Protein backbone atom coordinates (compact mmCIF):
# COMPACT_ATOMS: atom_id res chain seq x y z
CA UNK A 1 -11.48 6.63 0.85
CA UNK A 2 -10.87 3.23 -0.75
CA UNK A 3 -8.33 0.86 0.74
CA UNK A 4 -6.75 0.32 -2.67
CA UNK A 5 -6.93 2.07 -6.03
CA UNK A 6 -5.41 0.19 -8.96
CA UNK A 7 -4.58 1.98 -12.20
CA UNK A 8 -4.57 -0.60 -14.98
CA UNK A 9 -6.64 -3.72 -15.46
CA UNK A 10 -4.00 -6.10 -16.88
CA UNK A 11 -2.71 -9.19 -15.02
CA UNK A 12 -0.85 -7.07 -12.47
CA UNK A 13 -4.00 -5.06 -11.77
CA UNK A 14 -6.85 -7.54 -11.82
CA UNK A 15 -4.95 -10.23 -9.90
CA UNK A 16 -4.12 -7.68 -7.21
CA UNK A 17 -7.74 -6.57 -7.08
CA UNK A 18 -9.00 -10.11 -6.51
CA UNK A 19 -6.43 -10.81 -3.78
CA UNK A 20 -7.27 -7.54 -2.04
CA UNK A 21 -11.00 -8.22 -2.12
CA UNK A 22 -10.45 -11.73 -0.75
CA UNK A 23 -8.69 -10.04 2.18
CA UNK A 24 -11.68 -7.74 2.72
CA UNK A 25 -10.26 -4.53 1.25
CA UNK A 26 -12.36 -1.96 -0.63
CA UNK A 27 -10.92 -1.86 -4.16
CA UNK A 28 -11.38 0.45 -7.13
CA UNK A 29 -9.79 -0.50 -10.43
CA UNK A 30 -9.36 2.10 -13.17
CA UNK A 31 -9.02 0.96 -16.79
CA UNK A 32 -9.15 2.89 -20.05
CA UNK A 33 -9.12 0.14 -22.69
CA UNK A 34 -10.54 -3.11 -21.44
CA UNK A 35 -10.09 -5.42 -18.47
CA UNK A 36 -7.24 -7.82 -19.07
CA UNK A 37 -5.11 -5.08 -20.61
CA UNK A 38 -2.67 -5.74 -23.42
CA UNK A 39 -2.08 -9.31 -22.23
CA UNK A 40 -5.66 -10.25 -23.04
CA UNK A 41 -6.68 -7.81 -25.76
CA UNK A 42 -3.64 -7.13 -27.94
CA UNK A 43 -0.71 -9.29 -26.86
CA UNK A 44 -0.58 -12.67 -25.13
CA UNK A 45 -4.04 -14.11 -25.79
CA UNK A 46 -4.34 -12.92 -29.41
CA UNK A 47 -0.77 -13.77 -30.45
CA UNK A 48 -0.84 -17.24 -28.91
CA UNK A 49 -4.20 -17.92 -30.59
CA UNK A 50 -2.66 -17.13 -33.97
CA UNK A 51 0.33 -19.31 -33.08
CA UNK A 52 -2.05 -22.13 -32.11
CA UNK A 53 -3.40 -22.10 -35.68
CA UNK A 54 0.14 -22.24 -37.04
CA UNK A 55 0.94 -25.07 -34.62
CA UNK A 56 -1.97 -27.08 -36.00
CA UNK A 57 -0.43 -26.81 -39.47
CA UNK A 58 2.92 -28.00 -38.13
CA UNK A 59 1.17 -31.03 -36.63
CA UNK A 60 -0.64 -31.70 -39.91
CA UNK A 61 2.72 -31.67 -41.67
CA UNK A 62 3.56 -34.90 -39.83
CA UNK A 63 0.57 -36.69 -41.35
CA UNK A 64 2.46 -38.63 -44.08
CA UNK A 65 4.92 -40.28 -41.68
CA UNK A 66 2.00 -41.31 -39.45
CA UNK A 67 0.33 -43.11 -42.35
CA UNK A 68 -2.48 -40.59 -42.83
CA UNK A 69 -3.78 -40.26 -46.42
CA UNK A 70 -6.57 -38.30 -48.07
CA UNK A 71 -9.79 -39.86 -49.37
CA UNK A 72 -8.01 -40.82 -52.58
CA UNK A 73 -5.20 -42.60 -50.79
CA UNK A 74 -2.65 -39.88 -51.53
CA UNK A 75 -0.28 -38.39 -48.97
CA UNK A 76 -1.51 -35.20 -47.38
CA UNK A 77 0.51 -32.50 -45.64
CA UNK A 78 -0.42 -29.31 -43.84
CA UNK A 79 1.49 -27.05 -46.19
CA UNK A 80 0.36 -28.81 -49.33
CA UNK A 81 -3.32 -29.38 -48.64
CA UNK A 82 -4.40 -26.68 -46.20
CA UNK A 83 -4.84 -22.96 -46.71
CA UNK A 84 -5.43 -20.31 -44.09
CA UNK A 85 -8.35 -17.90 -44.09
CA UNK A 86 -6.71 -15.09 -42.12
CA UNK A 87 -9.97 -13.16 -41.87
CA UNK A 88 -11.53 -16.13 -40.07
CA UNK A 89 -8.42 -16.65 -37.94
CA UNK A 90 -8.43 -13.03 -36.79
CA UNK A 91 -12.19 -13.07 -36.20
CA UNK A 92 -11.65 -15.99 -33.82
CA UNK A 93 -8.69 -14.20 -32.23
CA UNK A 94 -10.70 -11.07 -31.49
CA UNK A 95 -13.69 -13.07 -30.28
CA UNK A 96 -11.57 -15.05 -27.82
CA UNK A 97 -9.78 -11.95 -26.56
CA UNK A 98 -12.97 -10.01 -25.90
CA UNK A 99 -14.64 -13.05 -24.32
CA UNK A 100 -11.67 -13.43 -21.96
CA UNK A 101 -11.80 -9.72 -21.11
CA UNK A 102 -15.53 -9.91 -20.39
CA UNK A 103 -15.05 -12.98 -18.19
CA UNK A 104 -12.40 -11.22 -16.11
CA UNK A 105 -14.53 -8.10 -15.75
CA UNK A 106 -17.51 -10.18 -14.64
CA UNK A 107 -15.36 -11.95 -12.06
CA UNK A 108 -14.14 -8.63 -10.69
CA UNK A 109 -17.69 -7.37 -10.35
CA UNK A 110 -18.88 -10.61 -8.70
CA UNK A 111 -16.13 -10.17 -6.14
CA UNK A 112 -17.11 -6.58 -5.38
CA UNK A 113 -14.36 -4.68 -7.20
CA UNK A 114 -15.52 -1.29 -8.46
CA UNK A 115 -14.40 -0.81 -12.07
CA UNK A 116 -14.07 2.80 -13.28
CA UNK A 117 -13.40 3.64 -16.92
CA UNK A 118 -11.10 6.44 -18.05
CA UNK A 119 -7.56 7.85 -18.07
CA UNK A 120 -6.00 8.29 -14.66
CA UNK A 121 -3.18 10.35 -13.19
CA UNK A 122 -1.89 10.98 -9.71
CA UNK A 123 -2.88 14.17 -7.92
CA UNK A 124 -0.88 13.38 -4.80
CA UNK A 125 0.25 10.31 -2.89
CA UNK A 126 -3.33 9.43 -1.87
CA UNK A 127 -5.46 10.84 -4.69
CA UNK A 128 -6.10 9.71 -8.27
CA UNK A 129 -7.85 11.85 -10.87
CA UNK A 130 -10.13 10.15 -13.41
CA UNK A 131 -11.71 12.61 -15.80
CA UNK A 132 -13.39 15.26 -13.65
CA UNK A 133 -13.52 12.99 -10.61
CA UNK A 134 -11.17 12.26 -7.75
CA UNK A 135 -10.65 9.00 -5.85
CA UNK A 136 -8.79 8.83 -2.56
CA UNK A 137 -7.02 5.71 -1.40
CA UNK A 138 -4.78 4.47 1.38
CA UNK A 139 -2.73 2.53 -1.16
CA UNK A 140 -2.21 3.00 -4.90
CA UNK A 141 -1.01 0.31 -7.30
CA UNK A 142 0.30 1.38 -10.71
CA UNK A 143 -0.16 -1.37 -13.31
CA UNK A 144 -0.23 0.75 -16.46
CA UNK A 145 1.65 -1.60 -18.79
CA UNK A 146 3.61 -0.72 -21.90
CA UNK A 147 3.05 -0.08 -25.60
CA UNK A 148 4.99 -0.93 -28.78
CA UNK A 149 8.07 1.16 -29.34
CA UNK A 150 7.93 3.32 -32.48
CA UNK A 151 10.98 3.72 -34.69
CA UNK A 152 11.20 7.15 -36.29
CA UNK A 153 10.74 6.79 -40.03
CA UNK A 154 8.87 3.51 -39.59
CA UNK A 155 5.71 4.68 -37.85
CA UNK A 156 2.93 2.05 -38.01
CA UNK A 157 0.02 3.08 -40.22
CA UNK A 158 -2.26 0.10 -39.61
CA UNK A 159 -2.24 -0.69 -43.33
CA UNK A 160 1.13 -1.98 -44.52
CA UNK A 161 3.40 -0.98 -41.64
CA UNK A 162 2.15 -2.65 -38.46
CA UNK A 163 2.93 -3.14 -34.82
CA UNK A 164 1.86 -6.38 -33.16
CA UNK A 165 -1.41 -4.89 -31.86
CA UNK A 166 -2.52 -4.17 -35.44
CA UNK A 167 -1.97 -7.60 -36.98
CA UNK A 168 -5.40 -8.81 -35.92
CA UNK A 169 -7.12 -6.42 -38.32
CA UNK A 170 -5.60 -8.06 -41.40
CA UNK A 171 -8.16 -9.65 -43.69
CA UNK A 172 -5.72 -11.47 -45.97
CA UNK A 173 -2.49 -13.32 -45.37
CA UNK A 174 0.54 -11.12 -46.19
CA UNK A 175 2.27 -12.32 -49.34
CA UNK A 176 5.69 -11.32 -47.98
CA UNK A 177 5.95 -10.23 -44.35
CA UNK A 178 9.13 -8.45 -43.32
CA UNK A 179 9.62 -8.61 -39.54
CA UNK A 180 11.95 -6.02 -38.03
CA UNK A 181 13.23 -7.28 -34.68
CA UNK A 182 14.22 -10.82 -33.76
CA UNK A 183 13.42 -10.81 -30.06
CA UNK A 184 10.62 -12.93 -28.62
CA UNK A 185 7.76 -11.06 -30.30
CA UNK A 186 9.46 -10.83 -33.69
CA UNK A 187 10.54 -14.46 -33.71
CA UNK A 188 7.12 -15.73 -32.60
CA UNK A 189 5.22 -13.86 -35.29
CA UNK A 190 7.82 -14.58 -37.97
CA UNK A 191 7.58 -18.30 -37.27
CA UNK A 192 3.78 -18.26 -37.07
CA UNK A 193 3.22 -16.41 -40.34
CA UNK A 194 5.77 -18.63 -42.07
CA UNK A 195 3.69 -21.67 -41.07
CA UNK A 196 0.46 -19.91 -42.07
CA UNK A 197 1.83 -19.56 -45.59
CA UNK A 198 3.49 -16.14 -45.88
CA UNK A 199 6.95 -15.59 -47.26
CA UNK A 200 8.87 -14.16 -44.31
CA UNK A 201 12.07 -12.14 -43.99
CA UNK A 202 13.32 -11.58 -40.44
CA UNK A 203 15.66 -8.64 -39.78
CA UNK A 204 17.92 -9.26 -36.78
CA UNK A 205 20.28 -6.65 -35.36
CA UNK A 206 22.39 -9.43 -33.84
CA UNK A 207 24.17 -12.33 -35.44
CA UNK A 208 21.35 -14.66 -34.40
CA UNK A 209 17.69 -14.51 -33.48
CA UNK A 210 16.47 -14.54 -29.87
CA UNK A 211 19.68 -13.07 -28.53
CA UNK A 212 18.53 -13.27 -24.91
CA UNK A 213 17.81 -17.01 -25.01
CA UNK A 214 20.04 -20.03 -24.48
CA UNK A 215 22.49 -19.86 -27.45
CA UNK A 216 22.00 -23.50 -28.43
CA UNK A 217 18.21 -23.16 -28.29
CA UNK A 218 18.26 -19.92 -30.29
CA UNK A 219 20.51 -21.46 -32.93
CA UNK A 220 18.16 -24.44 -33.09
CA UNK A 221 15.17 -22.18 -33.79
CA UNK A 222 17.09 -20.21 -36.41
CA UNK A 223 17.99 -23.44 -38.19
CA UNK A 224 14.33 -24.44 -38.14
CA UNK A 225 13.37 -21.07 -39.59
CA UNK A 226 15.86 -21.47 -42.43
CA UNK A 227 14.84 -25.08 -43.07
CA UNK A 228 11.24 -23.99 -43.51
CA UNK A 229 12.19 -21.27 -45.98
CA UNK A 230 12.47 -18.11 -43.89
CA UNK A 231 15.12 -15.56 -44.84
CA UNK A 232 16.99 -14.38 -41.75
CA UNK A 233 19.16 -11.31 -42.27
CA UNK A 234 21.50 -10.95 -39.30
CA UNK A 235 23.63 -8.00 -38.26
CA UNK A 236 21.16 -5.59 -39.88
CA UNK A 237 19.18 -2.60 -38.65
CA UNK A 238 16.21 -0.87 -40.23
CA UNK A 239 16.63 2.83 -40.94
CA UNK A 240 13.15 3.54 -42.28
CA UNK A 241 10.13 1.81 -43.81
CA UNK A 242 8.08 3.19 -46.70
CA UNK A 243 4.50 2.29 -47.57
CA UNK A 244 4.44 2.24 -51.37
CA UNK A 245 0.67 1.80 -51.58
CA UNK A 246 0.93 -1.76 -52.81
CA UNK A 247 3.71 -2.94 -50.50
CA UNK A 248 6.61 -1.79 -48.33
CA UNK A 249 10.27 -0.96 -48.74
CA UNK A 250 12.47 -1.54 -45.70
CA UNK A 251 15.67 0.52 -45.87
CA UNK A 252 18.54 -0.88 -43.82
CA UNK A 253 21.35 1.21 -42.39
CA UNK A 254 23.85 -0.44 -44.77
CA UNK A 255 21.89 0.83 -47.79
CA UNK A 256 20.13 -2.45 -48.55
CA UNK A 257 16.45 -2.19 -49.50
CA UNK A 258 14.10 -5.14 -48.93
CA UNK A 259 10.67 -5.13 -50.54
CA UNK A 260 7.63 -6.96 -49.26
CA UNK A 261 3.87 -6.71 -48.93
CA UNK A 262 3.78 -5.84 -45.22
CA UNK A 263 6.19 -4.96 -42.42
CA UNK A 264 5.84 -5.85 -38.74
CA UNK A 265 7.77 -3.60 -36.40
CA UNK A 266 8.77 -5.65 -33.33
CA UNK A 267 11.42 -3.41 -31.79
CA UNK A 268 10.46 -3.55 -28.14
CA UNK A 269 8.14 -1.62 -25.83
CA UNK A 270 8.03 1.61 -23.86
CA UNK A 271 6.23 2.00 -20.50
CA UNK A 272 2.93 3.90 -20.26
CA UNK A 273 4.24 6.17 -17.53
CA UNK A 274 4.15 9.52 -19.32
CA UNK A 275 1.39 12.00 -18.48
CA UNK A 276 0.66 10.52 -15.06
CA UNK A 277 2.40 13.13 -12.87
CA UNK A 278 4.68 10.47 -11.41
CA UNK A 279 7.67 12.80 -11.17
CA UNK A 280 5.58 15.46 -9.46
CA UNK A 281 4.42 13.00 -6.81
CA UNK A 282 7.94 11.71 -6.28
CA UNK A 283 7.75 8.29 -7.94
CA UNK A 284 11.24 7.53 -9.22
CA UNK A 285 11.58 6.46 -12.86
CA UNK A 286 14.53 4.78 -14.55
CA UNK A 287 16.23 6.58 -17.48
CA UNK A 288 14.08 4.44 -19.79
CA UNK A 289 10.87 5.65 -18.11
CA UNK A 290 10.11 2.49 -16.11
CA UNK A 291 8.85 2.71 -12.54
CA UNK A 292 11.64 1.75 -10.17
CA UNK A 293 10.44 -0.93 -7.72
CA UNK A 294 11.96 -3.23 -5.13
CA UNK A 295 11.31 -6.96 -4.78
CA UNK A 296 8.01 -6.40 -2.96
CA UNK A 297 6.76 -3.96 -5.64
CA UNK A 298 7.28 -0.75 -3.61
CA UNK A 299 8.08 2.45 -5.46
CA UNK A 300 10.09 5.31 -3.99
CA UNK A 301 6.89 6.74 -2.44
CA UNK A 302 5.36 5.17 0.66
CA UNK A 303 1.94 3.68 -0.12
CA UNK A 304 2.46 3.58 -3.89
CA UNK A 305 3.30 0.26 -5.54
CA UNK A 306 3.80 -0.81 -9.16
CA UNK A 307 3.49 -4.07 -11.08
CA UNK A 308 3.85 -5.38 -14.60
CA UNK A 309 5.49 -4.17 -17.78
CA UNK A 310 5.65 -0.58 -16.53
CA UNK A 311 8.33 -1.69 -14.04
CA UNK A 312 10.67 -3.18 -16.64
CA UNK A 313 11.33 -6.22 -14.42
CA UNK A 314 10.32 -8.99 -16.85
CA UNK A 315 7.66 -8.46 -19.55
CA UNK A 316 5.62 -11.52 -18.62
CA UNK A 317 1.99 -11.77 -17.56
CA UNK A 318 2.98 -14.26 -14.85
CA UNK A 319 5.49 -11.82 -13.39
CA UNK A 320 3.00 -8.95 -13.53
CA UNK A 321 0.41 -11.03 -11.66
CA UNK A 322 2.96 -12.07 -9.04
CA UNK A 323 4.11 -8.48 -8.55
CA UNK A 324 0.51 -7.40 -8.07
CA UNK A 325 -0.22 -10.10 -5.53
CA UNK A 326 3.00 -9.33 -3.64
CA UNK A 327 2.14 -5.62 -3.58
CA UNK A 328 -1.27 -6.26 -2.06
CA UNK A 329 0.09 -8.70 0.51
CA UNK A 330 2.73 -6.19 1.60
CA UNK A 331 0.31 -3.26 1.69
CA UNK A 332 -2.21 -5.20 3.79
CA UNK A 333 0.41 -6.51 6.20
CA UNK A 334 0.14 -10.12 5.09
CA UNK A 335 3.10 -12.49 4.96
CA UNK A 336 5.01 -11.91 1.76
CA UNK A 337 7.95 -13.45 -0.06
CA UNK A 338 9.92 -11.09 -2.32
CA UNK A 339 9.85 -11.99 -5.99
CA UNK A 340 12.66 -14.33 -7.03
CA UNK A 341 13.39 -13.97 -10.73
CA UNK A 342 15.55 -17.10 -10.85
CA UNK A 343 12.41 -19.18 -10.33
CA UNK A 344 10.48 -17.56 -13.18
CA UNK A 345 9.75 -19.97 -16.03
CA UNK A 346 9.73 -18.33 -19.45
CA UNK A 347 8.52 -19.61 -22.79
CA UNK A 348 9.07 -18.51 -26.39
CA UNK A 349 6.10 -19.67 -28.48
CA UNK A 350 8.01 -20.44 -31.63
CA UNK A 351 7.61 -23.79 -33.39
CA UNK A 352 9.19 -25.60 -31.57
CA UNK A 353 8.98 -23.67 -28.31
CA UNK A 354 11.82 -22.70 -25.99
CA UNK A 355 11.13 -22.96 -22.25
CA UNK A 356 13.69 -22.00 -19.62
CA UNK A 357 13.96 -21.70 -15.86
CA UNK A 358 16.71 -20.88 -13.40
CA UNK A 359 20.25 -19.81 -14.24
CA UNK A 360 21.49 -19.77 -17.80
CA UNK A 361 24.80 -21.40 -18.67
CA UNK A 362 26.25 -17.94 -19.36
CA UNK A 363 25.20 -16.79 -15.90
CA UNK A 364 26.71 -19.86 -14.24
CA UNK A 365 30.02 -19.29 -16.00
CA UNK A 366 30.04 -15.61 -15.08
CA UNK A 367 29.40 -16.40 -11.41
CA UNK A 368 32.02 -19.14 -11.30
CA UNK A 369 29.53 -21.82 -10.25
CA UNK A 370 30.67 -25.44 -10.58
CA UNK A 371 28.11 -27.16 -12.77
CA UNK A 372 27.59 -30.04 -15.17
CA UNK A 373 25.33 -30.23 -18.21
CA UNK A 374 23.13 -33.11 -19.30
CA UNK A 375 21.38 -32.95 -22.66
CA UNK A 376 19.17 -35.43 -24.55
CA UNK A 377 17.41 -35.02 -27.91
CA UNK A 378 13.63 -35.49 -27.80
CA UNK A 379 13.83 -37.59 -30.98
CA UNK A 380 15.10 -40.46 -28.80
CA UNK A 381 11.93 -40.42 -26.69
CA UNK A 382 9.49 -43.27 -27.52
CA UNK A 383 6.43 -41.05 -27.12
CA UNK A 384 7.99 -38.47 -29.43
CA UNK A 385 8.60 -41.20 -32.02
CA UNK A 386 4.94 -42.24 -31.82
CA UNK A 387 3.83 -38.64 -32.37
CA UNK A 388 6.29 -38.06 -35.21
CA UNK A 389 8.24 -35.46 -33.21
CA UNK A 390 11.85 -35.25 -34.33
CA UNK A 391 12.82 -31.81 -33.02
CA UNK A 392 13.90 -30.47 -29.65
CA UNK A 393 15.94 -31.40 -26.61
CA UNK A 394 16.07 -31.25 -22.81
CA UNK A 395 19.07 -29.71 -21.08
CA UNK A 396 19.64 -29.51 -17.32
CA UNK A 397 22.37 -27.69 -15.39
CA UNK A 398 23.23 -29.42 -12.11
CA UNK A 399 25.63 -28.34 -9.37
CA UNK A 400 28.76 -30.48 -9.51
CA UNK A 401 28.96 -31.03 -5.73
CA UNK A 402 25.42 -30.78 -4.33
CA UNK A 403 23.52 -31.99 -7.39
CA UNK A 404 21.06 -29.09 -7.05
CA UNK A 405 19.15 -28.26 -10.24
CA UNK A 406 20.45 -24.80 -11.16
CA UNK A 407 18.63 -24.28 -14.44
CA UNK A 408 17.07 -25.99 -17.42
CA UNK A 409 16.15 -25.53 -21.06
CA UNK A 410 13.45 -27.46 -22.94
CA UNK A 411 13.08 -27.09 -26.69
CA UNK A 412 10.19 -28.84 -28.40
CA UNK A 413 6.44 -28.86 -29.03
CA UNK A 414 4.56 -27.54 -25.97
CA UNK A 415 7.85 -26.97 -24.12
CA UNK A 416 6.01 -24.52 -21.87
CA UNK A 417 3.94 -27.41 -20.53
CA UNK A 418 7.00 -29.58 -19.84
CA UNK A 419 9.17 -27.06 -17.97
CA UNK A 420 6.97 -27.17 -14.86
CA UNK A 421 8.67 -30.08 -13.01
CA UNK A 422 12.01 -28.35 -13.54
CA UNK A 423 10.52 -25.09 -12.28
CA UNK A 424 9.49 -26.92 -9.11
CA UNK A 425 13.02 -28.30 -8.82
CA UNK A 426 14.64 -24.87 -9.14
CA UNK A 427 12.12 -23.19 -6.85
CA UNK A 428 12.45 -25.75 -4.05
CA UNK A 429 16.18 -26.41 -4.46
CA UNK A 430 15.70 -30.03 -5.47
CA UNK A 431 18.57 -32.15 -6.72
CA UNK A 432 18.93 -33.97 -10.02
CA UNK A 433 18.39 -37.20 -8.07
CA UNK A 434 15.08 -35.84 -6.72
CA UNK A 435 13.93 -35.27 -10.30
CA UNK A 436 15.34 -38.54 -11.61
CA UNK A 437 13.75 -40.65 -8.87
CA UNK A 438 10.24 -39.27 -9.35
CA UNK A 439 8.02 -41.57 -11.39
CA UNK A 440 7.11 -40.59 -14.95
CA UNK A 441 4.47 -42.17 -17.16
CA UNK A 442 5.79 -44.53 -19.83
CA UNK A 443 5.72 -43.54 -22.57
CA UNK A 444 5.70 -39.77 -22.07
CA UNK A 445 7.71 -36.79 -23.22
CA UNK A 446 8.34 -36.06 -19.53
CA UNK A 447 10.36 -39.26 -19.39
CA UNK A 448 13.21 -37.44 -21.12
CA UNK A 449 13.32 -34.93 -18.27
CA UNK A 450 13.89 -37.70 -15.74
CA UNK A 451 16.46 -39.40 -17.98
CA UNK A 452 18.34 -36.14 -18.49
CA UNK A 453 18.48 -35.64 -14.72
CA UNK A 454 19.52 -39.27 -14.18
CA UNK A 455 22.64 -38.72 -16.25
CA UNK A 456 23.84 -36.15 -13.72
CA UNK A 457 23.84 -38.62 -10.82
CA UNK A 458 27.22 -38.93 -9.12
CA UNK A 459 28.37 -41.80 -6.93
CA UNK A 460 30.34 -40.41 -3.99
CA UNK A 461 32.91 -42.21 -1.86
CA UNK A 462 30.35 -42.29 0.96
CA UNK A 463 27.87 -44.03 -1.38
CA UNK A 464 30.47 -46.68 -2.22
CA UNK A 465 31.02 -47.37 1.46
């Protein structure tokens, strides 16, 4: 009997396996696709690699204002003087993804984790079936992930109608990509392919893209999309998508038909919990099929834990990894802190990016919290001026009385890199003065974070005395 059997080798699974082995547990990890899971093979690593190529073009677009000319002395821009070889881009994407997967697998093996390949299902609360074999364990961790949701009448065919796992097989840049769904995945790919050179139409069921993000930040990104030539059709829903052989027709529920060369369906995910006998064993599922867990990753069955996208908590690799580590710590009797979602930093890899942490302004209003807002455009930052950056802003929400940093939004290039000091502030209940009084390099983009916090400083009567 193993101490721990993990079903699923994504971030929630492999991180848990490494932590358990470091604690001396005997660990078996079962995977059917490849170590690293969707995060490494078909989602995070591949998509952000494509976006990195698009980001390079956005940087090249700033060349004229920086005084950069071609060999003939003429102005050069990314869009005007660079073309994208999508076959080469996707070859690099797939190479990086498989290299990352192989590196993780090798690390697991070096640390003594037994990796078993195949489909798994629960036999009972202490037994997992893999093919014709059985593995017994004191503790089971379910980290089975999720897959792209399929809209009836718009089933992906891998040719013209695609989900985001199929984009990396394209050999040529789509002439006109229609993206159905304006959440994080849809917006990221729409923005990336626009920069790569495709004509892009984004279908949004809401009035604006990125409905779950800070409204000002989302509106900012939508304006950038429109400025760069993207067509955003809001308040629209796709009814069906037809592959015409040489292109696609997207039929909207209002009768409108939009024609393009390819269609990306980005309409959410569904958990990979079917066919695993979870109901029979007693593991409670939500109406949407997600595994119901508490803040230390326990399911409704003693000894069975779950982590990652299959729990529906937050579809982030960082959250999956944290859930996995928490599960192992709890199962092994180690000290454990329940997951705190308010401290989770999130990032949307559009161009520019949106990074957030802590409470949103909507949440603060709903809870009746007394707060103040400080906001500064990045274009005012001296380092940004040197780099030719004229987009983005920093916004901080501070408690009116205590000065505690309640939440923050950063919009700009590499915003995900710049949110970290604000994540520390939210996590450790620091005040705006704590942030403002910490030294920043001059010049640096981080200087705007300190300046934004400084504007929330309040002089109290006690200070005056």
